[in-house]
PDB file of N, CA and C in Angstrom:
ATOM      1  N   UNK A   1      -9.101  -6.846  19.657  1.00  0.00           N
ATOM      2  CA  UNK A   1      -8.450  -7.399  18.485  1.00  0.00           C
ATOM      3  C   UNK A   1      -6.931  -7.266  18.648  1.00  0.00           C
ATOM      4  N   UNK A   2      -6.222  -8.323  18.352  1.00  0.00           N
ATOM      5  CA  UNK A   2      -4.779  -8.345  18.481  1.00  0.00           C
ATOM      6  C   UNK A   2      -4.126  -7.505  17.385  1.00  0.00           C
ATOM      7  N   UNK A   3      -3.209  -6.647  17.771  1.00  0.00           N
ATOM      8  CA  UNK A   3      -2.469  -5.854  16.794  1.00  0.00           C
ATOM      9  C   UNK A   3      -1.367  -6.716  16.202  1.00  0.00           C
ATOM     10  N   UNK A   4      -1.285  -6.705  14.883  1.00  0.00           N
ATOM     11  CA  UNK A   4      -0.277  -7.490  14.191  1.00  0.00           C
ATOM     12  C   UNK A   4       0.758  -6.530  13.617  1.00  0.00           C
ATOM     13  N   UNK A   5       2.015  -6.754  13.989  1.00  0.00           N
ATOM     14  CA  UNK A   5       3.087  -5.930  13.474  1.00  0.00           C
ATOM     15  C   UNK A   5       4.243  -6.817  13.051  1.00  0.00           C
ATOM     16  N   UNK A   6       5.052  -6.329  12.125  1.00  0.00           N
ATOM     17  CA  UNK A   6       6.227  -7.018  11.609  1.00  0.00           C
ATOM     18  C   UNK A   6       7.390  -6.068  11.791  1.00  0.00           C
ATOM     19  N   UNK A   7       8.265  -6.366  12.757  1.00  0.00           N
ATOM     20  CA  UNK A   7       9.374  -5.474  13.077  1.00  0.00           C
ATOM     21  C   UNK A   7       8.875  -4.052  13.323  1.00  0.00           C
ATOM     22  N   UNK A   8       7.828  -3.954  14.120  1.00  0.00           N
ATOM     23  CA  UNK A   8       7.208  -2.692  14.518  1.00  0.00           C
ATOM     24  C   UNK A   8       6.601  -1.909  13.355  1.00  0.00           C
ATOM     25  N   UNK A   9       6.304  -2.583  12.273  1.00  0.00           N
ATOM     26  CA  UNK A   9       5.660  -1.970  11.113  1.00  0.00           C
ATOM     27  C   UNK A   9       4.290  -2.604  10.939  1.00  0.00           C
ATOM     28  N   UNK A  10       3.334  -1.814  10.488  1.00  0.00           N
ATOM     29  CA  UNK A  10       1.999  -2.350  10.241  1.00  0.00           C
ATOM     30  C   UNK A  10       1.864  -2.900   8.834  1.00  0.00           C
ATOM     31  N   UNK A  11       2.748  -2.465   7.922  1.00  0.00           N
ATOM     32  CA  UNK A  11       2.763  -3.022   6.570  1.00  0.00           C
ATOM     33  C   UNK A  11       4.168  -2.882   6.013  1.00  0.00           C
ATOM     34  N   UNK A  12       4.454  -3.566   4.919  1.00  0.00           N
ATOM     35  CA  UNK A  12       5.786  -3.481   4.317  1.00  0.00           C
ATOM     36  C   UNK A  12       5.760  -2.775   2.966  1.00  0.00           C
ATOM     37  N   UNK A  13       4.609  -2.209   2.604  1.00  0.00           N
ATOM     38  CA  UNK A  13       4.526  -1.558   1.299  1.00  0.00           C
ATOM     39  C   UNK A  13       4.575  -0.038   1.381  1.00  0.00           C
ATOM     40  N   UNK A  14       4.620   0.520   2.567  1.00  0.00           N
ATOM     41  CA  UNK A  14       4.484   1.965   2.757  1.00  0.00           C
ATOM     42  C   UNK A  14       5.429   2.780   1.875  1.00  0.00           C
ATOM     43  N   UNK A  15       6.718   2.504   1.974  1.00  0.00           N
ATOM     44  CA  UNK A  15       7.702   3.300   1.244  1.00  0.00           C
ATOM     45  C   UNK A  15       7.585   3.125  -0.262  1.00  0.00           C
ATOM     46  N   UNK A  16       7.436   1.891  -0.712  1.00  0.00           N
ATOM     47  CA  UNK A  16       7.335   1.659  -2.152  1.00  0.00           C
ATOM     48  C   UNK A  16       6.042   2.212  -2.729  1.00  0.00           C
ATOM     49  N   UNK A  17       4.961   2.133  -1.973  1.00  0.00           N
ATOM     50  CA  UNK A  17       3.702   2.689  -2.441  1.00  0.00           C
ATOM     51  C   UNK A  17       3.851   4.186  -2.667  1.00  0.00           C
ATOM     52  N   UNK A  18       4.377   4.884  -1.688  1.00  0.00           N
ATOM     53  CA  UNK A  18       4.551   6.330  -1.817  1.00  0.00           C
ATOM     54  C   UNK A  18       5.487   6.666  -2.974  1.00  0.00           C
ATOM     55  N   UNK A  19       6.575   5.921  -3.086  1.00  0.00           N
ATOM     56  CA  UNK A  19       7.554   6.147  -4.154  1.00  0.00           C
ATOM     57  C   UNK A  19       6.928   6.007  -5.541  1.00  0.00           C
ATOM     58  N   UNK A  20       6.269   4.894  -5.790  1.00  0.00           N
ATOM     59  CA  UNK A  20       5.741   4.644  -7.130  1.00  0.00           C
ATOM     60  C   UNK A  20       4.550   5.542  -7.434  1.00  0.00           C
ATOM     61  N   UNK A  21       3.762   5.836  -6.437  1.00  0.00           N
ATOM     62  CA  UNK A  21       2.621   6.736  -6.648  1.00  0.00           C
ATOM     63  C   UNK A  21       3.106   8.115  -7.072  1.00  0.00           C
ATOM     64  N   UNK A  22       4.142   8.600  -6.413  1.00  0.00           N
ATOM     65  CA  UNK A  22       4.686   9.917  -6.768  1.00  0.00           C
ATOM     66  C   UNK A  22       5.376   9.895  -8.123  1.00  0.00           C
ATOM     67  N   UNK A  23       6.103   8.816  -8.425  1.00  0.00           N
ATOM     68  CA  UNK A  23       6.769   8.696  -9.728  1.00  0.00           C
ATOM     69  C   UNK A  23       5.755   8.739 -10.870  1.00  0.00           C
ATOM     70  N   UNK A  24       4.577   8.176 -10.622  1.00  0.00           N
ATOM     71  CA  UNK A  24       3.538   8.129 -11.647  1.00  0.00           C
ATOM     72  C   UNK A  24       2.606   9.341 -11.583  1.00  0.00           C
ATOM     73  N   UNK A  25       2.922  10.292 -10.691  1.00  0.00           N
ATOM     74  CA  UNK A  25       2.141  11.537 -10.551  1.00  0.00           C
ATOM     75  C   UNK A  25       0.658  11.260 -10.282  1.00  0.00           C
ATOM     76  N   UNK A  26       0.427  10.338  -9.346  1.00  0.00           N
ATOM     77  CA  UNK A  26      -0.939   9.988  -8.947  1.00  0.00           C
ATOM     78  C   UNK A  26      -1.133  10.452  -7.510  1.00  0.00           C
ATOM     79  N   UNK A  27      -2.157  11.222  -7.256  1.00  0.00           N
ATOM     80  CA  UNK A  27      -2.425  11.673  -5.894  1.00  0.00           C
ATOM     81  C   UNK A  27      -3.047  10.537  -5.081  1.00  0.00           C
ATOM     82  N   UNK A  28      -3.043  10.709  -3.778  1.00  0.00           N
ATOM     83  CA  UNK A  28      -3.692   9.724  -2.915  1.00  0.00           C
ATOM     84  C   UNK A  28      -5.178   9.633  -3.245  1.00  0.00           C
ATOM     85  N   UNK A  29      -5.801  10.753  -3.530  1.00  0.00           N
ATOM     86  CA  UNK A  29      -7.231  10.762  -3.874  1.00  0.00           C
ATOM     87  C   UNK A  29      -7.485  10.034  -5.184  1.00  0.00           C
ATOM     88  N   UNK A  30      -6.602  10.228  -6.157  1.00  0.00           N
ATOM     89  CA  UNK A  30      -6.764   9.532  -7.446  1.00  0.00           C
ATOM     90  C   UNK A  30      -6.608   8.030  -7.272  1.00  0.00           C
ATOM     91  N   UNK A  31      -5.628   7.621  -6.472  1.00  0.00           N
ATOM     92  CA  UNK A  31      -5.448   6.190  -6.220  1.00  0.00           C
ATOM     93  C   UNK A  31      -6.669   5.612  -5.515  1.00  0.00           C
ATOM     94  N   UNK A  32      -7.186   6.330  -4.533  1.00  0.00           N
ATOM     95  CA  UNK A  32      -8.382   5.866  -3.820  1.00  0.00           C
ATOM     96  C   UNK A  32      -9.560   5.711  -4.782  1.00  0.00           C
ATOM     97  N   UNK A  33      -9.716   6.656  -5.712  1.00  0.00           N
ATOM     98  CA  UNK A  33     -10.808   6.576  -6.695  1.00  0.00           C
ATOM     99  C   UNK A  33     -10.635   5.356  -7.588  1.00  0.00           C
ATOM    100  N   UNK A  34      -9.411   5.093  -8.026  1.00  0.00           N
ATOM    101  CA  UNK A  34      -9.150   3.909  -8.868  1.00  0.00           C
ATOM    102  C   UNK A  34      -9.470   2.626  -8.105  1.00  0.00           C
ATOM    103  N   UNK A  35      -9.115   2.608  -6.828  1.00  0.00           N
ATOM    104  CA  UNK A  35      -9.398   1.420  -6.015  1.00  0.00           C
ATOM    105  C   UNK A  35     -10.895   1.225  -5.821  1.00  0.00           C
ATOM    106  N   UNK A  36     -11.617   2.299  -5.663  1.00  0.00           N
ATOM    107  CA  UNK A  36     -13.065   2.200  -5.484  1.00  0.00           C
ATOM    108  C   UNK A  36     -13.745   1.646  -6.724  1.00  0.00           C
ATOM    109  N   UNK A  37     -13.185   1.936  -7.900  1.00  0.00           N
ATOM    110  CA  UNK A  37     -13.713   1.356  -9.142  1.00  0.00           C
ATOM    111  C   UNK A  37     -13.562  -0.167  -9.116  1.00  0.00           C
ATOM    112  N   UNK A  38     -12.513  -0.643  -8.442  1.00  0.00           N
ATOM    113  CA  UNK A  38     -12.293  -2.090  -8.304  1.00  0.00           C
ATOM    114  C   UNK A  38     -13.032  -2.667  -7.096  1.00  0.00           C
ATOM    115  N   UNK A  39     -13.921  -1.875  -6.494  1.00  0.00           N
ATOM    116  CA  UNK A  39     -14.730  -2.286  -5.349  1.00  0.00           C
ATOM    117  C   UNK A  39     -13.908  -2.466  -4.069  1.00  0.00           C
ATOM    118  N   UNK A  40     -12.815  -1.704  -3.956  1.00  0.00           N
ATOM    119  CA  UNK A  40     -12.007  -1.696  -2.744  1.00  0.00           C
ATOM    120  C   UNK A  40     -12.341  -0.404  -2.008  1.00  0.00           C
ATOM    121  N   UNK A  41     -12.898  -0.539  -0.825  1.00  0.00           N
ATOM    122  CA  UNK A  41     -13.386   0.611  -0.077  1.00  0.00           C
ATOM    123  C   UNK A  41     -12.244   1.278   0.704  1.00  0.00           C
ATOM    124  N   UNK A  42     -11.452   2.079  -0.002  1.00  0.00           N
ATOM    125  CA  UNK A  42     -10.343   2.824   0.586  1.00  0.00           C
ATOM    126  C   UNK A  42     -10.482   4.276   0.159  1.00  0.00           C
ATOM    127  N   UNK A  43     -10.319   5.182   1.121  1.00  0.00           N
ATOM    128  CA  UNK A  43     -10.363   6.604   0.783  1.00  0.00           C
ATOM    129  C   UNK A  43      -8.960   7.216   0.900  1.00  0.00           C
ATOM    130  N   UNK A  44      -8.842   8.500   0.638  1.00  0.00           N
ATOM    131  CA  UNK A  44      -7.550   9.187   0.650  1.00  0.00           C
ATOM    132  C   UNK A  44      -6.881   9.084   2.016  1.00  0.00           C
ATOM    133  N   UNK A  45      -7.655   9.214   3.078  1.00  0.00           N
ATOM    134  CA  UNK A  45      -7.076   9.145   4.425  1.00  0.00           C
ATOM    135  C   UNK A  45      -6.478   7.767   4.708  1.00  0.00           C
ATOM    136  N   UNK A  46      -7.105   6.735   4.190  1.00  0.00           N
ATOM    137  CA  UNK A  46      -6.575   5.385   4.379  1.00  0.00           C
ATOM    138  C   UNK A  46      -5.276   5.198   3.604  1.00  0.00           C
ATOM    139  N   UNK A  47      -5.198   5.749   2.389  1.00  0.00           N
ATOM    140  CA  UNK A  47      -3.955   5.692   1.613  1.00  0.00           C
ATOM    141  C   UNK A  47      -2.853   6.398   2.402  1.00  0.00           C
ATOM    142  N   UNK A  48      -3.162   7.548   2.973  1.00  0.00           N
ATOM    143  CA  UNK A  48      -2.195   8.289   3.780  1.00  0.00           C
ATOM    144  C   UNK A  48      -1.705   7.455   4.953  1.00  0.00           C
ATOM    145  N   UNK A  49      -2.608   6.788   5.641  1.00  0.00           N
ATOM    146  CA  UNK A  49      -2.231   5.948   6.784  1.00  0.00           C
ATOM    147  C   UNK A  49      -1.357   4.772   6.348  1.00  0.00           C
ATOM    148  N   UNK A  50      -1.656   4.196   5.183  1.00  0.00           N
ATOM    149  CA  UNK A  50      -0.823   3.100   4.668  1.00  0.00           C
ATOM    150  C   UNK A  50       0.588   3.621   4.411  1.00  0.00           C
ATOM    151  N   UNK A  51       0.694   4.765   3.756  1.00  0.00           N
ATOM    152  CA  UNK A  51       2.001   5.330   3.428  1.00  0.00           C
ATOM    153  C   UNK A  51       2.778   5.766   4.671  1.00  0.00           C
ATOM    154  N   UNK A  52       2.088   6.107   5.741  1.00  0.00           N
ATOM    155  CA  UNK A  52       2.748   6.474   7.003  1.00  0.00           C
ATOM    156  C   UNK A  52       2.995   5.250   7.880  1.00  0.00           C
ATOM    157  N   UNK A  53       2.603   4.090   7.395  1.00  0.00           N
ATOM    158  CA  UNK A  53       2.734   2.827   8.113  1.00  0.00           C
ATOM    159  C   UNK A  53       1.888   2.808   9.374  1.00  0.00           C
ATOM    160  N   UNK A  54       0.727   3.436   9.310  1.00  0.00           N
ATOM    161  CA  UNK A  54      -0.208   3.468  10.430  1.00  0.00           C
ATOM    162  C   UNK A  54      -1.413   2.566  10.201  1.00  0.00           C
ATOM    163  N   UNK A  55      -1.415   1.809   9.109  1.00  0.00           N
ATOM    164  CA  UNK A  55      -2.558   0.948   8.774  1.00  0.00           C
ATOM    165  C   UNK A  55      -2.072  -0.338   8.134  1.00  0.00           C
ATOM    166  N   UNK A  56      -2.681  -1.443   8.536  1.00  0.00           N
ATOM    167  CA  UNK A  56      -2.397  -2.719   7.892  1.00  0.00           C
ATOM    168  C   UNK A  56      -3.046  -2.745   6.514  1.00  0.00           C
ATOM    169  N   UNK A  57      -2.553  -3.639   5.662  1.00  0.00           N
ATOM    170  CA  UNK A  57      -3.070  -3.762   4.309  1.00  0.00           C
ATOM    171  C   UNK A  57      -3.383  -5.237   4.053  1.00  0.00           C
ATOM    172  N   UNK A  58      -4.570  -5.502   3.526  1.00  0.00           N
ATOM    173  CA  UNK A  58      -4.938  -6.891   3.223  1.00  0.00           C
ATOM    174  C   UNK A  58      -4.319  -7.319   1.900  1.00  0.00           C
ATOM    175  N   UNK A  59      -4.326  -8.618   1.674  1.00  0.00           N
ATOM    176  CA  UNK A  59      -3.757  -9.141   0.435  1.00  0.00           C
ATOM    177  C   UNK A  59      -4.503  -8.628  -0.798  1.00  0.00           C
ATOM    178  N   UNK A  60      -5.833  -8.567  -0.734  1.00  0.00           N
ATOM    179  CA  UNK A  60      -6.569  -8.088  -1.894  1.00  0.00           C
ATOM    180  C   UNK A  60      -6.339  -6.598  -2.137  1.00  0.00           C
ATOM    181  N   UNK A  61      -6.097  -5.837  -1.050  1.00  0.00           N
ATOM    182  CA  UNK A  61      -5.785  -4.423  -1.223  1.00  0.00           C
ATOM    183  C   UNK A  61      -4.437  -4.250  -1.923  1.00  0.00           C
ATOM    184  N   UNK A  62      -3.441  -5.042  -1.520  1.00  0.00           N
ATOM    185  CA  UNK A  62      -2.129  -4.990  -2.182  1.00  0.00           C
ATOM    186  C   UNK A  62      -2.281  -5.336  -3.662  1.00  0.00           C
ATOM    187  N   UNK A  63      -3.011  -6.401  -3.950  1.00  0.00           N
ATOM    188  CA  UNK A  63      -3.203  -6.816  -5.342  1.00  0.00           C
ATOM    189  C   UNK A  63      -3.868  -5.715  -6.163  1.00  0.00           C
ATOM    190  N   UNK A  64      -4.879  -5.091  -5.612  1.00  0.00           N
ATOM    191  CA  UNK A  64      -5.592  -4.042  -6.349  1.00  0.00           C
ATOM    192  C   UNK A  64      -4.778  -2.755  -6.454  1.00  0.00           C
ATOM    193  N   UNK A  65      -4.019  -2.428  -5.423  1.00  0.00           N
ATOM    194  CA  UNK A  65      -3.128  -1.269  -5.502  1.00  0.00           C
ATOM    195  C   UNK A  65      -2.123  -1.483  -6.634  1.00  0.00           C
ATOM    196  N   UNK A  66      -1.561  -2.668  -6.696  1.00  0.00           N
ATOM    197  CA  UNK A  66      -0.601  -2.980  -7.761  1.00  0.00           C
ATOM    198  C   UNK A  66      -1.260  -2.914  -9.135  1.00  0.00           C
ATOM    199  N   UNK A  67      -2.468  -3.384  -9.248  1.00  0.00           N
ATOM    200  CA  UNK A  67      -3.213  -3.312 -10.511  1.00  0.00           C
ATOM    201  C   UNK A  67      -3.407  -1.849 -10.915  1.00  0.00           C
ATOM    202  N   UNK A  68      -3.790  -1.019  -9.988  1.00  0.00           N
ATOM    203  CA  UNK A  68      -4.023   0.401 -10.271  1.00  0.00           C
ATOM    204  C   UNK A  68      -2.753   1.125 -10.679  1.00  0.00           C
ATOM    205  N   UNK A  69      -1.637   0.726 -10.095  1.00  0.00           N
ATOM    206  CA  UNK A  69      -0.364   1.389 -10.372  1.00  0.00           C
ATOM    207  C   UNK A  69       0.427   0.709 -11.479  1.00  0.00           C
ATOM    208  N   UNK A  70      -0.107  -0.394 -11.993  1.00  0.00           N
ATOM    209  CA  UNK A  70       0.548  -1.153 -13.072  1.00  0.00           C
ATOM    210  C   UNK A  70       1.954  -1.609 -12.667  1.00  0.00           C
ATOM    211  N   UNK A  71       2.026  -2.222 -11.485  1.00  0.00           N
ATOM    212  CA  UNK A  71       3.285  -2.772 -11.002  1.00  0.00           C
ATOM    213  C   UNK A  71       3.054  -4.203 -10.518  1.00  0.00           C
ATOM    214  N   UNK A  72       4.134  -4.935 -10.379  1.00  0.00           N
ATOM    215  CA  UNK A  72       4.054  -6.319  -9.935  1.00  0.00           C
ATOM    216  C   UNK A  72       3.994  -6.390  -8.402  1.00  0.00           C
ATOM    217  N   UNK A  73       3.094  -7.202  -7.873  1.00  0.00           N
ATOM    218  CA  UNK A  73       3.018  -7.357  -6.415  1.00  0.00           C
ATOM    219  C   UNK A  73       4.344  -7.803  -5.803  1.00  0.00           C
ATOM    220  N   UNK A  74       5.105  -8.632  -6.491  1.00  0.00           N
ATOM    221  CA  UNK A  74       6.391  -9.098  -5.954  1.00  0.00           C
ATOM    222  C   UNK A  74       7.329  -7.924  -5.703  1.00  0.00           C
ATOM    223  N   UNK A  75       7.338  -6.950  -6.588  1.00  0.00           N
ATOM    224  CA  UNK A  75       8.183  -5.766  -6.394  1.00  0.00           C
ATOM    225  C   UNK A  75       7.717  -4.989  -5.164  1.00  0.00           C
ATOM    226  N   UNK A  76       6.426  -4.840  -5.022  1.00  0.00           N
ATOM    227  CA  UNK A  76       5.871  -4.086  -3.903  1.00  0.00           C
ATOM    228  C   UNK A  76       6.189  -4.763  -2.570  1.00  0.00           C
ATOM    229  N   UNK A  77       6.217  -6.083  -2.565  1.00  0.00           N
ATOM    230  CA  UNK A  77       6.380  -6.834  -1.319  1.00  0.00           C
ATOM    231  C   UNK A  77       7.821  -7.169  -0.962  1.00  0.00           C
ATOM    232  N   UNK A  78       8.758  -6.983  -1.869  1.00  0.00           N
ATOM    233  CA  UNK A  78      10.119  -7.457  -1.605  1.00  0.00           C
ATOM    234  C   UNK A  78      10.846  -6.686  -0.518  1.00  0.00           C
ATOM    235  N   UNK A  79      10.330  -5.584  -0.074  1.00  0.00           N
ATOM    236  CA  UNK A  79      10.974  -4.814   0.985  1.00  0.00           C
ATOM    237  C   UNK A  79      11.065  -5.561   2.311  1.00  0.00           C
ATOM    238  N   UNK A  80      10.323  -6.639   2.463  1.00  0.00           N
ATOM    239  CA  UNK A  80      10.360  -7.358   3.737  1.00  0.00           C
ATOM    240  C   UNK A  80      11.771  -7.867   4.041  1.00  0.00           C
ATOM    241  N   UNK A  81      12.566  -8.100   3.009  1.00  0.00           N
ATOM    242  CA  UNK A  81      13.908  -8.655   3.199  1.00  0.00           C
ATOM    243  C   UNK A  81      14.796  -7.744   4.037  1.00  0.00           C
ATOM    244  N   UNK A  82      14.618  -6.433   3.902  1.00  0.00           N
ATOM    245  CA  UNK A  82      15.498  -5.521   4.638  1.00  0.00           C
ATOM    246  C   UNK A  82      15.290  -5.628   6.147  1.00  0.00           C
ATOM    247  N   UNK A  83      14.121  -6.093   6.580  1.00  0.00           N
ATOM    248  CA  UNK A  83      13.871  -6.247   8.007  1.00  0.00           C
ATOM    249  C   UNK A  83      14.581  -7.486   8.568  1.00  0.00           C
ATOM    250  N   UNK A  84      14.952  -8.417   7.689  1.00  0.00           N
ATOM    251  CA  UNK A  84      15.549  -9.663   8.130  1.00  0.00           C
ATOM    252  C   UNK A  84      17.066  -9.578   8.218  1.00  0.00           C
ATOM    253  N   UNK A  85      17.636  -8.508   7.708  1.00  0.00           N
ATOM    254  CA  UNK A  85      19.106  -8.379   7.695  1.00  0.00           C
ATOM    255  C   UNK A  85      19.664  -7.954   9.034  1.00  0.00           C
TER     256      UNK A  85
END
């Protein structure tokens, strides 16, 4: 399987995900549990890998993460611009 990277990153939500999760005092395990309620099969270790930029994230995972954290997907995704500068 071909590895897909964007400016040597596996995802562009890593930093913002960690930031907003901590601001809202939600643990990685709590976020994983909320995602599982939405039928997204992600565990705490996968959340950790996303935040460390060691795992790709699908579009539906981003949408559900944003739903769980009560944030707009556009805010979560706008970090891509810094790679283009």
